[in-house]
Amino acid sequence: MMIISILTRRLKRGKTYEDFRKAWYHTVGFGAPVKLYSAINAFDQREIIVVALGEIGPEQDPMKILRTDVKERLEHPLEAVIEPEIGRTFGIVVSEDDFSPSGEIEYKPASINGKKTDFVEIAQGLALAQKLFTKAAAEREKAKKLQIKLKKRG
């Protein structure tokens, strides 16, 4: 199952993409095939868009992957360079399409790597992904609150 996440963050005034990158860059890998693509919005250069594509197979523990990201964000907070609001979109890839040839392209059903998409499997994957992302978000918020509480105690 291929997962996609799209996160949008807005730089604080005076901050640059390089400031963001230095704070955001992971120091620990996910231990699974995950690629992240960063972009700067063409219409708002303070908006940073990060698209992550990851393959989750039976040999991977999705919660371990999500916890790695939560741990990275807690250890390397972005508050100094971004505004507090973060756009988060998560999904499962249902089709890949190559529109690079010139000329007409014949319609083909949804597929990934040449395998027709099984929408029953996708529905099950979506339900699982929703549970996982919700659980990870709750863990992130709990850990963040604890971290703030500990900082206040000094």
N, C-alpha and C. Protein backbone atom coordinates (compact mmCIF):
# COMPACT_ATOMS: atom_id res chain seq x y z
N MET A 1 0.86 -1.17 0.00
CA MET A 1 0.00 0.00 0.00
C MET A 1 0.91 1.23 0.00
N MET A 2 0.63 2.15 -0.91
CA MET A 2 1.41 3.38 -0.97
C MET A 2 0.62 4.51 -0.32
N ILE A 3 1.24 5.12 0.67
CA ILE A 3 0.64 6.22 1.42
C ILE A 3 1.19 7.54 0.88
N ILE A 4 0.34 8.55 0.86
CA ILE A 4 0.79 9.89 0.49
C ILE A 4 0.37 10.85 1.60
N SER A 5 1.26 11.75 1.94
CA SER A 5 0.89 12.82 2.86
C SER A 5 1.35 14.13 2.24
N ILE A 6 0.51 15.14 2.41
CA ILE A 6 0.82 16.47 1.90
C ILE A 6 0.68 17.42 3.09
N LEU A 7 1.80 18.04 3.45
CA LEU A 7 1.79 18.98 4.56
C LEU A 7 2.17 20.36 4.05
N THR A 8 1.40 21.34 4.46
CA THR A 8 1.71 22.72 4.09
C THR A 8 2.00 23.51 5.35
N ARG A 9 3.06 24.29 5.28
CA ARG A 9 3.45 25.13 6.40
C ARG A 9 3.79 26.51 5.86
N ARG A 10 3.56 27.52 6.66
CA ARG A 10 3.84 28.90 6.24
C ARG A 10 5.01 29.43 7.04
N LEU A 11 6.02 29.90 6.32
CA LEU A 11 7.19 30.49 6.98
C LEU A 11 6.81 31.77 7.71
N LYS A 12 7.44 31.98 8.84
CA LYS A 12 7.29 33.26 9.53
C LYS A 12 7.99 34.33 8.70
N ARG A 13 7.56 35.55 8.85
CA ARG A 13 8.20 36.67 8.11
C ARG A 13 9.69 36.68 8.40
N GLY A 14 10.48 36.87 7.36
CA GLY A 14 11.92 36.95 7.50
C GLY A 14 12.62 35.60 7.47
N LYS A 15 11.86 34.50 7.49
CA LYS A 15 12.46 33.16 7.44
C LYS A 15 12.51 32.68 6.00
N THR A 16 13.45 31.80 5.72
CA THR A 16 13.65 31.29 4.36
C THR A 16 13.42 29.79 4.32
N TYR A 17 13.36 29.27 3.10
CA TYR A 17 13.26 27.82 2.94
C TYR A 17 14.44 27.14 3.62
N GLU A 18 15.63 27.71 3.49
CA GLU A 18 16.82 27.10 4.10
C GLU A 18 16.69 27.06 5.62
N ASP A 19 16.10 28.11 6.24
CA ASP A 19 15.84 28.09 7.68
C ASP A 19 14.92 26.92 8.02
N PHE A 20 13.86 26.78 7.23
CA PHE A 20 12.91 25.68 7.42
C PHE A 20 13.62 24.34 7.28
N ARG A 21 14.40 24.19 6.21
CA ARG A 21 15.05 22.91 5.91
C ARG A 21 15.99 22.49 7.04
N LYS A 22 16.74 23.44 7.57
CA LYS A 22 17.67 23.12 8.66
C LYS A 22 16.91 22.64 9.91
N ALA A 23 15.75 23.21 10.18
CA ALA A 23 14.96 22.80 11.35
C ALA A 23 14.19 21.52 11.08
N TRP A 24 13.72 21.34 9.86
CA TRP A 24 12.84 20.23 9.49
C TRP A 24 13.58 18.94 9.18
N TYR A 25 14.79 19.02 8.65
CA TYR A 25 15.49 17.85 8.11
C TYR A 25 15.63 16.75 9.15
N HIS A 26 15.24 15.53 8.79
CA HIS A 26 15.27 14.40 9.71
C HIS A 26 16.71 13.96 10.00
N THR A 27 16.95 13.58 11.23
CA THR A 27 18.26 13.04 11.61
C THR A 27 18.22 11.52 11.73
N VAL A 28 17.01 10.96 11.61
CA VAL A 28 16.80 9.51 11.69
C VAL A 28 15.86 9.13 10.55
N GLY A 29 16.20 8.04 9.85
CA GLY A 29 15.36 7.57 8.75
C GLY A 29 14.19 6.75 9.25
N PHE A 30 13.26 6.49 8.35
CA PHE A 30 12.04 5.76 8.68
C PHE A 30 12.22 4.25 8.70
N GLY A 31 13.26 3.74 8.06
CA GLY A 31 13.44 2.30 7.98
C GLY A 31 12.44 1.65 7.02
N ALA A 32 11.93 2.42 6.10
CA ALA A 32 10.98 1.95 5.09
C ALA A 32 11.13 2.84 3.86
N PRO A 33 10.68 2.37 2.69
CA PRO A 33 10.81 3.19 1.49
C PRO A 33 9.90 4.42 1.55
N VAL A 34 10.49 5.56 1.87
CA VAL A 34 9.75 6.83 1.95
C VAL A 34 10.56 7.91 1.25
N LYS A 35 9.92 8.64 0.35
CA LYS A 35 10.55 9.78 -0.30
C LYS A 35 9.73 11.03 -0.02
N LEU A 36 10.43 12.11 0.27
CA LEU A 36 9.77 13.38 0.53
C LEU A 36 10.19 14.38 -0.53
N TYR A 37 9.21 15.13 -1.02
CA TYR A 37 9.44 16.17 -2.02
C TYR A 37 9.00 17.49 -1.41
N SER A 38 9.91 18.45 -1.39
CA SER A 38 9.59 19.77 -0.84
C SER A 38 9.40 20.75 -1.99
N ALA A 39 8.46 21.65 -1.82
CA ALA A 39 8.18 22.65 -2.85
C ALA A 39 7.87 23.98 -2.18
N ILE A 40 8.10 25.03 -2.93
CA ILE A 40 7.71 26.38 -2.51
C ILE A 40 6.54 26.77 -3.39
N ASN A 41 5.45 27.22 -2.78
CA ASN A 41 4.26 27.61 -3.52
C ASN A 41 4.60 28.76 -4.48
N ALA A 42 4.27 28.60 -5.74
CA ALA A 42 4.56 29.62 -6.77
C ALA A 42 3.81 30.92 -6.52
N PHE A 43 2.68 30.86 -5.83
CA PHE A 43 1.86 32.05 -5.60
C PHE A 43 2.02 32.62 -4.20
N ASP A 44 2.74 31.92 -3.34
CA ASP A 44 2.99 32.38 -1.98
C ASP A 44 4.31 31.77 -1.53
N GLN A 45 5.39 32.49 -1.70
CA GLN A 45 6.72 31.94 -1.44
C GLN A 45 6.99 31.66 0.03
N ARG A 46 6.09 32.06 0.90
CA ARG A 46 6.24 31.70 2.32
C ARG A 46 5.61 30.35 2.63
N GLU A 47 4.87 29.78 1.67
CA GLU A 47 4.25 28.47 1.90
C GLU A 47 5.16 27.36 1.39
N ILE A 48 5.47 26.43 2.29
CA ILE A 48 6.29 25.26 1.97
C ILE A 48 5.35 24.06 1.92
N ILE A 49 5.46 23.29 0.86
CA ILE A 49 4.64 22.10 0.67
C ILE A 49 5.57 20.89 0.68
N VAL A 50 5.27 19.93 1.54
CA VAL A 50 6.06 18.69 1.58
C VAL A 50 5.12 17.54 1.24
N VAL A 51 5.48 16.82 0.19
CA VAL A 51 4.72 15.64 -0.24
C VAL A 51 5.58 14.42 0.08
N ALA A 52 5.01 13.50 0.82
CA ALA A 52 5.72 12.27 1.17
C ALA A 52 5.00 11.09 0.54
N LEU A 53 5.78 10.22 -0.08
CA LEU A 53 5.25 8.98 -0.64
C LEU A 53 5.97 7.83 0.05
N GLY A 54 5.21 6.94 0.63
CA GLY A 54 5.81 5.82 1.34
C GLY A 54 5.09 4.52 1.05
N GLU A 55 5.87 3.48 0.92
CA GLU A 55 5.33 2.14 0.68
C GLU A 55 5.26 1.42 2.02
N ILE A 56 4.07 0.99 2.39
CA ILE A 56 3.88 0.26 3.63
C ILE A 56 3.54 -1.18 3.25
N GLY A 57 4.43 -2.08 3.59
CA GLY A 57 4.20 -3.49 3.31
C GLY A 57 4.07 -4.26 4.60
N PRO A 58 3.83 -5.56 4.50
CA PRO A 58 3.65 -6.37 5.72
C PRO A 58 4.88 -6.39 6.62
N GLU A 59 6.05 -6.11 6.04
CA GLU A 59 7.28 -6.13 6.85
C GLU A 59 7.50 -4.82 7.62
N GLN A 60 6.71 -3.79 7.33
CA GLN A 60 6.85 -2.52 8.04
C GLN A 60 5.78 -2.37 9.11
N ASP A 61 6.15 -1.70 10.18
CA ASP A 61 5.20 -1.34 11.23
C ASP A 61 4.85 0.12 11.00
N PRO A 62 3.64 0.40 10.49
CA PRO A 62 3.29 1.79 10.19
C PRO A 62 3.36 2.72 11.39
N MET A 63 3.04 2.21 12.59
CA MET A 63 3.12 3.07 13.77
C MET A 63 4.56 3.43 14.10
N LYS A 64 5.49 2.52 13.83
CA LYS A 64 6.91 2.82 14.05
C LYS A 64 7.34 3.97 13.14
N ILE A 65 6.89 3.92 11.90
CA ILE A 65 7.21 4.98 10.94
C ILE A 65 6.62 6.31 11.41
N LEU A 66 5.35 6.30 11.81
CA LEU A 66 4.70 7.53 12.27
C LEU A 66 5.34 8.05 13.56
N ARG A 67 5.71 7.13 14.46
CA ARG A 67 6.36 7.55 15.71
C ARG A 67 7.74 8.15 15.46
N THR A 68 8.43 7.65 14.43
CA THR A 68 9.72 8.23 14.07
C THR A 68 9.53 9.69 13.70
N ASP A 69 8.48 9.97 12.92
CA ASP A 69 8.22 11.35 12.51
C ASP A 69 7.83 12.22 13.71
N VAL A 70 6.98 11.69 14.57
CA VAL A 70 6.58 12.44 15.78
C VAL A 70 7.82 12.76 16.62
N LYS A 71 8.67 11.77 16.81
CA LYS A 71 9.89 11.97 17.62
C LYS A 71 10.78 13.04 17.00
N GLU A 72 10.94 12.99 15.68
CA GLU A 72 11.76 13.99 14.99
C GLU A 72 11.19 15.39 15.19
N ARG A 73 9.88 15.53 15.06
CA ARG A 73 9.27 16.86 15.19
C ARG A 73 9.39 17.37 16.63
N LEU A 74 9.28 16.48 17.61
CA LEU A 74 9.42 16.92 19.00
C LEU A 74 10.86 17.30 19.31
N GLU A 75 11.81 16.55 18.75
CA GLU A 75 13.23 16.84 19.01
C GLU A 75 13.74 18.01 18.16
N HIS A 76 13.11 18.27 17.06
CA HIS A 76 13.51 19.35 16.17
C HIS A 76 12.28 20.19 15.82
N PRO A 77 11.80 20.97 16.78
CA PRO A 77 10.58 21.74 16.56
C PRO A 77 10.77 22.81 15.48
N LEU A 78 9.67 23.13 14.83
CA LEU A 78 9.69 24.10 13.74
C LEU A 78 9.10 25.45 14.13
N GLU A 79 8.67 25.59 15.39
CA GLU A 79 7.96 26.80 15.80
C GLU A 79 8.72 28.09 15.54
N ALA A 80 10.04 28.04 15.54
CA ALA A 80 10.83 29.26 15.33
C ALA A 80 10.79 29.73 13.88
N VAL A 81 10.43 28.82 12.96
CA VAL A 81 10.48 29.21 11.53
C VAL A 81 9.13 29.18 10.84
N ILE A 82 8.12 28.51 11.42
CA ILE A 82 6.83 28.44 10.74
C ILE A 82 5.71 28.96 11.62
N GLU A 83 4.62 29.34 10.97
CA GLU A 83 3.41 29.75 11.66
C GLU A 83 2.79 28.49 12.30
N PRO A 84 1.93 28.65 13.32
CA PRO A 84 1.41 27.48 14.03
C PRO A 84 0.50 26.56 13.20
N GLU A 85 -0.22 27.11 12.23
CA GLU A 85 -1.16 26.29 11.46
C GLU A 85 -0.41 25.42 10.45
N ILE A 86 -0.77 24.15 10.42
CA ILE A 86 -0.18 23.21 9.47
C ILE A 86 -1.31 22.52 8.75
N GLY A 87 -1.26 22.53 7.42
CA GLY A 87 -2.23 21.78 6.63
C GLY A 87 -1.76 20.34 6.51
N ARG A 88 -2.65 19.40 6.82
CA ARG A 88 -2.28 17.98 6.76
C ARG A 88 -3.32 17.23 5.92
N THR A 89 -2.84 16.53 4.90
CA THR A 89 -3.70 15.69 4.08
C THR A 89 -3.01 14.35 3.93
N PHE A 90 -3.75 13.28 4.18
CA PHE A 90 -3.20 11.93 4.10
C PHE A 90 -4.11 11.09 3.21
N GLY A 91 -3.51 10.17 2.48
CA GLY A 91 -4.32 9.30 1.64
C GLY A 91 -3.55 8.07 1.19
N ILE A 92 -4.23 7.25 0.43
CA ILE A 92 -3.64 6.06 -0.18
C ILE A 92 -3.65 6.27 -1.68
N VAL A 93 -2.52 6.02 -2.31
CA VAL A 93 -2.43 6.18 -3.75
C VAL A 93 -3.27 5.09 -4.41
N VAL A 94 -4.16 5.49 -5.33
CA VAL A 94 -5.04 4.53 -5.99
C VAL A 94 -4.68 4.33 -7.46
N SER A 95 -3.88 5.24 -8.02
CA SER A 95 -3.49 5.06 -9.41
C SER A 95 -2.28 5.91 -9.73
N GLU A 96 -1.47 5.39 -10.65
CA GLU A 96 -0.38 6.18 -11.20
C GLU A 96 -0.62 6.22 -12.70
N ASP A 97 -0.48 7.39 -13.27
CA ASP A 97 -0.75 7.57 -14.69
C ASP A 97 0.39 8.32 -15.33
N ASP A 98 0.82 7.85 -16.48
CA ASP A 98 1.92 8.47 -17.21
C ASP A 98 1.33 9.22 -18.40
N PHE A 99 1.31 10.53 -18.30
CA PHE A 99 0.79 11.37 -19.38
C PHE A 99 1.92 12.02 -20.16
N SER A 100 3.12 11.44 -20.12
CA SER A 100 4.26 12.06 -20.80
C SER A 100 4.30 11.86 -22.32
N PRO A 101 3.70 10.80 -22.87
CA PRO A 101 3.76 10.69 -24.34
C PRO A 101 3.01 11.83 -25.02
N SER A 102 3.46 12.18 -26.23
CA SER A 102 2.71 13.20 -26.97
C SER A 102 1.58 12.50 -27.73
N GLY A 103 0.57 13.25 -28.06
CA GLY A 103 -0.55 12.68 -28.80
C GLY A 103 -1.61 12.09 -27.88
N GLU A 104 -2.52 11.37 -28.51
CA GLU A 104 -3.65 10.80 -27.78
C GLU A 104 -3.19 9.67 -26.86
N ILE A 105 -3.88 9.58 -25.73
CA ILE A 105 -3.62 8.50 -24.77
C ILE A 105 -4.95 7.79 -24.54
N GLU A 106 -4.93 6.48 -24.64
CA GLU A 106 -6.13 5.69 -24.42
C GLU A 106 -6.41 5.58 -22.92
N TYR A 107 -7.69 5.64 -22.55
CA TYR A 107 -8.09 5.49 -21.15
C TYR A 107 -7.68 4.12 -20.63
N LYS A 108 -7.25 4.08 -19.39
CA LYS A 108 -6.99 2.80 -18.74
C LYS A 108 -7.52 2.87 -17.32
N PRO A 109 -7.98 1.75 -16.78
CA PRO A 109 -8.48 1.73 -15.40
C PRO A 109 -7.36 2.07 -14.41
N ALA A 110 -7.76 2.45 -13.23
CA ALA A 110 -6.79 2.78 -12.18
C ALA A 110 -5.88 1.58 -11.91
N SER A 111 -4.56 1.88 -11.84
CA SER A 111 -3.60 0.81 -11.57
C SER A 111 -2.33 1.40 -10.97
N ILE A 112 -1.57 0.54 -10.30
CA ILE A 112 -0.26 0.92 -9.75
C ILE A 112 0.71 -0.18 -10.15
N ASN A 113 1.82 0.24 -10.73
CA ASN A 113 2.83 -0.72 -11.22
C ASN A 113 2.22 -1.79 -12.12
N GLY A 114 1.24 -1.39 -12.94
CA GLY A 114 0.63 -2.32 -13.88
C GLY A 114 -0.43 -3.22 -13.28
N LYS A 115 -0.67 -3.13 -11.96
CA LYS A 115 -1.67 -3.97 -11.30
C LYS A 115 -2.94 -3.15 -11.09
N LYS A 116 -4.06 -3.66 -11.60
CA LYS A 116 -5.34 -2.97 -11.47
C LYS A 116 -5.66 -2.74 -9.99
N THR A 117 -6.13 -1.56 -9.69
CA THR A 117 -6.45 -1.18 -8.32
C THR A 117 -7.65 -1.97 -7.81
N ASP A 118 -7.49 -2.55 -6.62
CA ASP A 118 -8.56 -3.29 -5.95
C ASP A 118 -9.18 -2.32 -4.94
N PHE A 119 -10.39 -1.82 -5.26
CA PHE A 119 -10.99 -0.80 -4.41
C PHE A 119 -11.53 -1.35 -3.09
N VAL A 120 -11.76 -2.64 -3.00
CA VAL A 120 -12.11 -3.25 -1.70
C VAL A 120 -10.89 -3.18 -0.80
N GLU A 121 -9.74 -3.52 -1.36
CA GLU A 121 -8.47 -3.44 -0.62
C GLU A 121 -8.17 -1.98 -0.23
N ILE A 122 -8.46 -1.07 -1.14
CA ILE A 122 -8.24 0.36 -0.87
C ILE A 122 -9.12 0.82 0.29
N ALA A 123 -10.39 0.41 0.29
CA ALA A 123 -11.31 0.80 1.38
C ALA A 123 -10.79 0.30 2.72
N GLN A 124 -10.29 -0.93 2.75
CA GLN A 124 -9.72 -1.46 3.99
C GLN A 124 -8.47 -0.68 4.39
N GLY A 125 -7.65 -0.35 3.41
CA GLY A 125 -6.44 0.43 3.66
C GLY A 125 -6.75 1.82 4.17
N LEU A 126 -7.79 2.44 3.61
CA LEU A 126 -8.20 3.78 4.06
C LEU A 126 -8.65 3.76 5.51
N ALA A 127 -9.42 2.74 5.87
CA ALA A 127 -9.88 2.62 7.26
C ALA A 127 -8.68 2.45 8.20
N LEU A 128 -7.74 1.61 7.80
CA LEU A 128 -6.53 1.40 8.61
C LEU A 128 -5.71 2.69 8.70
N ALA A 129 -5.51 3.35 7.55
CA ALA A 129 -4.72 4.58 7.53
C ALA A 129 -5.36 5.64 8.42
N GLN A 130 -6.68 5.75 8.36
CA GLN A 130 -7.37 6.74 9.20
C GLN A 130 -7.11 6.48 10.68
N LYS A 131 -7.19 5.21 11.09
CA LYS A 131 -6.91 4.85 12.48
C LYS A 131 -5.47 5.18 12.86
N LEU A 132 -4.53 4.81 11.98
CA LEU A 132 -3.12 5.04 12.27
C LEU A 132 -2.79 6.52 12.38
N PHE A 133 -3.25 7.32 11.42
CA PHE A 133 -2.94 8.75 11.45
C PHE A 133 -3.61 9.44 12.63
N THR A 134 -4.81 9.01 12.98
CA THR A 134 -5.50 9.58 14.14
C THR A 134 -4.75 9.23 15.42
N LYS A 135 -4.31 7.97 15.52
CA LYS A 135 -3.56 7.53 16.70
C LYS A 135 -2.22 8.29 16.80
N ALA A 136 -1.53 8.43 15.67
CA ALA A 136 -0.25 9.14 15.67
C ALA A 136 -0.45 10.61 16.07
N ALA A 137 -1.52 11.23 15.58
CA ALA A 137 -1.79 12.63 15.92
C ALA A 137 -2.06 12.77 17.41
N ALA A 138 -2.81 11.84 17.98
CA ALA A 138 -3.09 11.88 19.42
C ALA A 138 -1.80 11.70 20.23
N GLU A 139 -0.95 10.77 19.80
CA GLU A 139 0.33 10.57 20.48
C GLU A 139 1.21 11.82 20.37
N ARG A 140 1.21 12.45 19.19
CA ARG A 140 2.01 13.66 18.98
C ARG A 140 1.53 14.77 19.91
N GLU A 141 0.22 14.97 19.99
CA GLU A 141 -0.32 16.03 20.84
C GLU A 141 -0.03 15.76 22.32
N LYS A 142 -0.18 14.51 22.73
CA LYS A 142 0.10 14.14 24.12
C LYS A 142 1.58 14.39 24.45
N ALA A 143 2.46 13.96 23.56
CA ALA A 143 3.90 14.14 23.78
C ALA A 143 4.27 15.63 23.77
N LYS A 144 3.63 16.38 22.90
CA LYS A 144 3.90 17.82 22.83
C LYS A 144 3.47 18.53 24.11
N LYS A 145 2.30 18.17 24.62
CA LYS A 145 1.82 18.76 25.88
C LYS A 145 2.74 18.41 27.04
N LEU A 146 3.19 17.16 27.08
CA LEU A 146 4.12 16.74 28.12
C LEU A 146 5.43 17.50 28.01
N GLN A 147 5.91 17.67 26.81
CA GLN A 147 7.15 18.40 26.57
C GLN A 147 7.01 19.86 27.06
N ILE A 148 5.89 20.48 26.77
CA ILE A 148 5.64 21.88 27.21
C ILE A 148 5.58 21.93 28.74
N LYS A 149 4.89 20.96 29.34
CA LYS A 149 4.76 20.90 30.79
C LYS A 149 6.14 20.76 31.46
N LEU A 150 6.98 19.88 30.90
CA LEU A 150 8.32 19.67 31.45
C LEU A 150 9.19 20.93 31.30
N LYS A 151 9.04 21.64 30.20
CA LYS A 151 9.82 22.87 29.99
C LYS A 151 9.43 23.93 31.00
N LYS A 152 8.12 23.99 31.32
CA LYS A 152 7.65 24.98 32.28
C LYS A 152 8.20 24.71 33.68
N ARG A 153 8.34 23.42 34.00
CA ARG A 153 8.88 23.05 35.31
C ARG A 153 10.37 23.39 35.41
N GLY A 154 11.00 23.43 34.21
CA GLY A 154 12.38 23.84 34.10
C GLY A 154 13.41 22.93 34.55
